[in-house]
Amino acid sequence: MILIFAYSDVPRKQIVDIADSLGGSIVGEHEVIFAGPDEVIEFKHTAYSKAVFGKGAVEAAKFLAGKPAGRYDMADVIEG
């Protein structure tokens, strides 16, 4: 599956392409690529089990227990 977000009023150099691939024992693979004219920097995450996502959800639920309604993100969970 490849999702490409493009906006007609945004210069191409500011557009972020998003892709997600699944196959075999891979349940999720994500890459972030920063490409310049002479170099490329890549970050990649590969998940072989959905358990890692479940663990993150459980940690987020523990973090939220007893907290007032509000807007939180995973950085809040990680930082405690």
N, C-alpha and C. Protein backbone atom coordinates (compact mmCIF):
# COMPACT_ATOMS: atom_id res chain seq x y z
N MET A 1 0.84 -1.16 0.00
CA MET A 1 0.00 0.00 0.00
C MET A 1 0.90 1.24 0.00
N ILE A 2 0.65 2.15 -0.88
CA ILE A 2 1.40 3.40 -0.92
C ILE A 2 0.41 4.55 -0.87
N LEU A 3 0.59 5.41 0.11
CA LEU A 3 -0.24 6.60 0.23
C LEU A 3 0.63 7.80 -0.08
N ILE A 4 0.22 8.60 -1.03
CA ILE A 4 0.97 9.80 -1.37
C ILE A 4 0.06 11.00 -1.18
N PHE A 5 0.49 11.89 -0.31
CA PHE A 5 -0.28 13.10 -0.05
C PHE A 5 0.32 14.23 -0.86
N ALA A 6 -0.46 14.80 -1.73
CA ALA A 6 0.03 15.89 -2.56
C ALA A 6 -0.97 17.05 -2.50
N TYR A 7 -0.46 18.22 -2.43
CA TYR A 7 -1.30 19.41 -2.37
C TYR A 7 -0.88 20.34 -3.50
N SER A 8 -1.84 20.77 -4.29
CA SER A 8 -1.51 21.56 -5.47
C SER A 8 -0.87 22.90 -5.15
N ASP A 9 -1.14 23.45 -3.97
CA ASP A 9 -0.59 24.76 -3.63
C ASP A 9 0.70 24.68 -2.80
N VAL A 10 1.23 23.46 -2.61
CA VAL A 10 2.47 23.28 -1.83
C VAL A 10 3.57 22.86 -2.79
N PRO A 11 4.73 23.53 -2.73
CA PRO A 11 5.84 23.13 -3.61
C PRO A 11 6.21 21.67 -3.40
N ARG A 12 6.57 20.97 -4.46
CA ARG A 12 6.90 19.54 -4.40
C ARG A 12 7.95 19.23 -3.34
N LYS A 13 8.92 20.11 -3.14
CA LYS A 13 9.99 19.83 -2.18
C LYS A 13 9.48 19.79 -0.73
N GLN A 14 8.25 20.27 -0.49
CA GLN A 14 7.70 20.26 0.85
C GLN A 14 6.68 19.14 1.07
N ILE A 15 6.47 18.30 0.08
CA ILE A 15 5.48 17.22 0.17
C ILE A 15 6.12 15.99 0.80
N VAL A 16 5.37 15.31 1.65
CA VAL A 16 5.83 14.09 2.28
C VAL A 16 5.07 12.92 1.67
N ASP A 17 5.78 11.95 1.12
CA ASP A 17 5.17 10.72 0.61
C ASP A 17 5.19 9.71 1.74
N ILE A 18 4.09 9.00 1.95
CA ILE A 18 3.98 8.02 3.02
C ILE A 18 3.69 6.66 2.40
N ALA A 19 4.48 5.65 2.79
CA ALA A 19 4.27 4.29 2.29
C ALA A 19 4.34 3.32 3.45
N ASP A 20 3.59 2.25 3.36
CA ASP A 20 3.56 1.19 4.37
C ASP A 20 3.54 -0.12 3.62
N SER A 21 4.39 -1.08 4.02
CA SER A 21 4.41 -2.36 3.32
C SER A 21 4.23 -3.50 4.29
N LEU A 22 3.52 -4.53 3.85
CA LEU A 22 3.27 -5.73 4.64
C LEU A 22 3.61 -6.93 3.78
N GLY A 23 4.16 -7.97 4.40
CA GLY A 23 4.44 -9.18 3.63
C GLY A 23 5.19 -10.19 4.47
N GLY A 24 4.95 -11.47 4.21
CA GLY A 24 5.63 -12.52 4.96
C GLY A 24 5.40 -12.37 6.44
N SER A 25 6.46 -12.37 7.22
CA SER A 25 6.33 -12.22 8.67
C SER A 25 6.40 -10.76 9.10
N ILE A 26 6.45 -9.85 8.14
CA ILE A 26 6.48 -8.42 8.47
C ILE A 26 5.05 -7.91 8.59
N VAL A 27 4.71 -7.39 9.77
CA VAL A 27 3.36 -6.85 9.98
C VAL A 27 3.32 -5.34 9.80
N GLY A 28 4.47 -4.73 9.69
CA GLY A 28 4.53 -3.29 9.45
C GLY A 28 5.95 -2.85 9.17
N GLU A 29 6.12 -2.09 8.14
CA GLU A 29 7.44 -1.54 7.80
C GLU A 29 7.24 -0.09 7.37
N HIS A 30 8.00 0.79 7.98
CA HIS A 30 7.85 2.21 7.71
C HIS A 30 9.22 2.82 7.50
N GLU A 31 9.33 3.71 6.54
CA GLU A 31 10.59 4.40 6.28
C GLU A 31 10.34 5.89 6.18
N VAL A 32 11.30 6.65 6.67
CA VAL A 32 11.31 8.09 6.47
C VAL A 32 12.59 8.39 5.70
N ILE A 33 12.46 9.06 4.59
CA ILE A 33 13.61 9.36 3.75
C ILE A 33 13.72 10.87 3.57
N PHE A 34 14.88 11.39 3.89
CA PHE A 34 15.19 12.80 3.65
C PHE A 34 16.19 12.82 2.49
N ALA A 35 15.75 13.27 1.34
CA ALA A 35 16.61 13.23 0.16
C ALA A 35 16.98 14.64 -0.28
N GLY A 36 18.27 14.86 -0.39
CA GLY A 36 18.80 16.11 -0.90
C GLY A 36 19.42 15.87 -2.26
N PRO A 37 19.99 16.89 -2.86
CA PRO A 37 20.56 16.73 -4.19
C PRO A 37 21.76 15.77 -4.22
N ASP A 38 22.50 15.67 -3.11
CA ASP A 38 23.72 14.86 -3.11
C ASP A 38 23.77 13.78 -2.04
N GLU A 39 22.69 13.62 -1.26
CA GLU A 39 22.72 12.62 -0.20
C GLU A 39 21.30 12.24 0.21
N VAL A 40 21.19 11.11 0.88
CA VAL A 40 19.91 10.61 1.37
C VAL A 40 20.12 10.11 2.80
N ILE A 41 19.21 10.47 3.70
CA ILE A 41 19.20 9.96 5.06
C ILE A 41 17.91 9.17 5.22
N GLU A 42 18.02 7.91 5.75
CA GLU A 42 16.86 7.05 5.88
C GLU A 42 16.72 6.54 7.31
N PHE A 43 15.49 6.50 7.79
CA PHE A 43 15.15 5.87 9.06
C PHE A 43 14.12 4.79 8.73
N LYS A 44 14.31 3.60 9.28
CA LYS A 44 13.42 2.49 8.96
C LYS A 44 13.01 1.76 10.22
N HIS A 45 11.74 1.37 10.29
CA HIS A 45 11.22 0.56 11.38
C HIS A 45 10.51 -0.64 10.78
N THR A 46 10.85 -1.84 11.26
CA THR A 46 10.20 -3.06 10.81
C THR A 46 9.65 -3.79 12.03
N ALA A 47 8.36 -4.13 11.99
CA ALA A 47 7.73 -4.89 13.07
C ALA A 47 7.42 -6.29 12.57
N TYR A 48 7.86 -7.30 13.32
CA TYR A 48 7.61 -8.69 12.96
C TYR A 48 6.45 -9.28 13.75
N SER A 49 5.92 -8.53 14.70
CA SER A 49 4.81 -8.99 15.52
C SER A 49 3.94 -7.80 15.89
N LYS A 50 2.65 -8.02 15.92
CA LYS A 50 1.74 -6.95 16.35
C LYS A 50 1.81 -6.72 17.85
N ALA A 51 2.51 -7.60 18.57
CA ALA A 51 2.65 -7.47 20.02
C ALA A 51 3.29 -6.14 20.39
N VAL A 52 4.22 -5.67 19.59
CA VAL A 52 4.89 -4.41 19.90
C VAL A 52 3.89 -3.25 19.91
N PHE A 53 2.89 -3.31 19.02
CA PHE A 53 1.87 -2.27 19.00
C PHE A 53 0.93 -2.41 20.20
N GLY A 54 0.64 -3.66 20.58
CA GLY A 54 -0.18 -3.91 21.76
C GLY A 54 0.49 -3.41 23.02
N LYS A 55 1.79 -3.65 23.14
CA LYS A 55 2.54 -3.17 24.30
C LYS A 55 2.47 -1.65 24.40
N GLY A 56 2.60 -0.98 23.27
CA GLY A 56 2.51 0.48 23.26
C GLY A 56 1.13 0.96 23.68
N ALA A 57 0.09 0.25 23.23
CA ALA A 57 -1.28 0.62 23.61
C ALA A 57 -1.51 0.44 25.10
N VAL A 58 -0.97 -0.66 25.66
CA VAL A 58 -1.11 -0.90 27.10
C VAL A 58 -0.38 0.18 27.90
N GLU A 59 0.83 0.53 27.47
CA GLU A 59 1.58 1.60 28.17
C GLU A 59 0.82 2.93 28.10
N ALA A 60 0.22 3.22 26.95
CA ALA A 60 -0.54 4.46 26.80
C ALA A 60 -1.77 4.44 27.72
N ALA A 61 -2.44 3.28 27.83
CA ALA A 61 -3.61 3.17 28.71
C ALA A 61 -3.21 3.37 30.17
N LYS A 62 -2.08 2.78 30.58
CA LYS A 62 -1.59 2.97 31.95
C LYS A 62 -1.29 4.44 32.22
N PHE A 63 -0.68 5.10 31.25
CA PHE A 63 -0.34 6.51 31.39
C PHE A 63 -1.61 7.35 31.57
N LEU A 64 -2.65 7.04 30.79
CA LEU A 64 -3.88 7.84 30.81
C LEU A 64 -4.75 7.60 32.02
N ALA A 65 -4.57 6.47 32.70
CA ALA A 65 -5.41 6.14 33.85
C ALA A 65 -5.32 7.26 34.89
N GLY A 66 -6.47 7.83 35.24
CA GLY A 66 -6.53 8.88 36.25
C GLY A 66 -6.20 10.28 35.75
N LYS A 67 -5.82 10.42 34.48
CA LYS A 67 -5.49 11.74 33.93
C LYS A 67 -6.78 12.45 33.51
N PRO A 68 -6.81 13.76 33.60
CA PRO A 68 -7.99 14.49 33.12
C PRO A 68 -8.09 14.42 31.59
N ALA A 69 -9.28 14.63 31.08
CA ALA A 69 -9.46 14.67 29.62
C ALA A 69 -8.55 15.74 29.05
N GLY A 70 -7.95 15.45 27.93
CA GLY A 70 -7.03 16.40 27.32
C GLY A 70 -6.40 15.78 26.09
N ARG A 71 -5.42 16.48 25.59
CA ARG A 71 -4.71 16.02 24.39
C ARG A 71 -3.33 15.53 24.80
N TYR A 72 -3.06 14.27 24.53
CA TYR A 72 -1.78 13.66 24.86
C TYR A 72 -1.22 12.99 23.61
N ASP A 73 0.08 12.79 23.57
CA ASP A 73 0.68 12.03 22.47
C ASP A 73 1.69 11.03 23.06
N MET A 74 2.29 10.23 22.20
CA MET A 74 3.20 9.20 22.69
C MET A 74 4.43 9.79 23.37
N ALA A 75 4.81 11.00 23.02
CA ALA A 75 5.94 11.63 23.72
C ALA A 75 5.60 11.79 25.21
N ASP A 76 4.34 12.12 25.52
CA ASP A 76 3.92 12.23 26.92
C ASP A 76 4.04 10.87 27.62
N VAL A 77 3.68 9.81 26.93
CA VAL A 77 3.76 8.45 27.50
C VAL A 77 5.21 8.09 27.76
N ILE A 78 6.07 8.33 26.80
CA ILE A 78 7.48 7.97 26.90
C ILE A 78 8.18 8.77 27.99
N GLU A 79 7.88 10.06 28.06
CA GLU A 79 8.53 10.93 29.06
C GLU A 79 7.95 10.71 30.45
N GLY A 80 6.77 10.08 30.52
CA GLY A 80 6.17 9.75 31.82
C GLY A 80 5.53 10.94 32.42
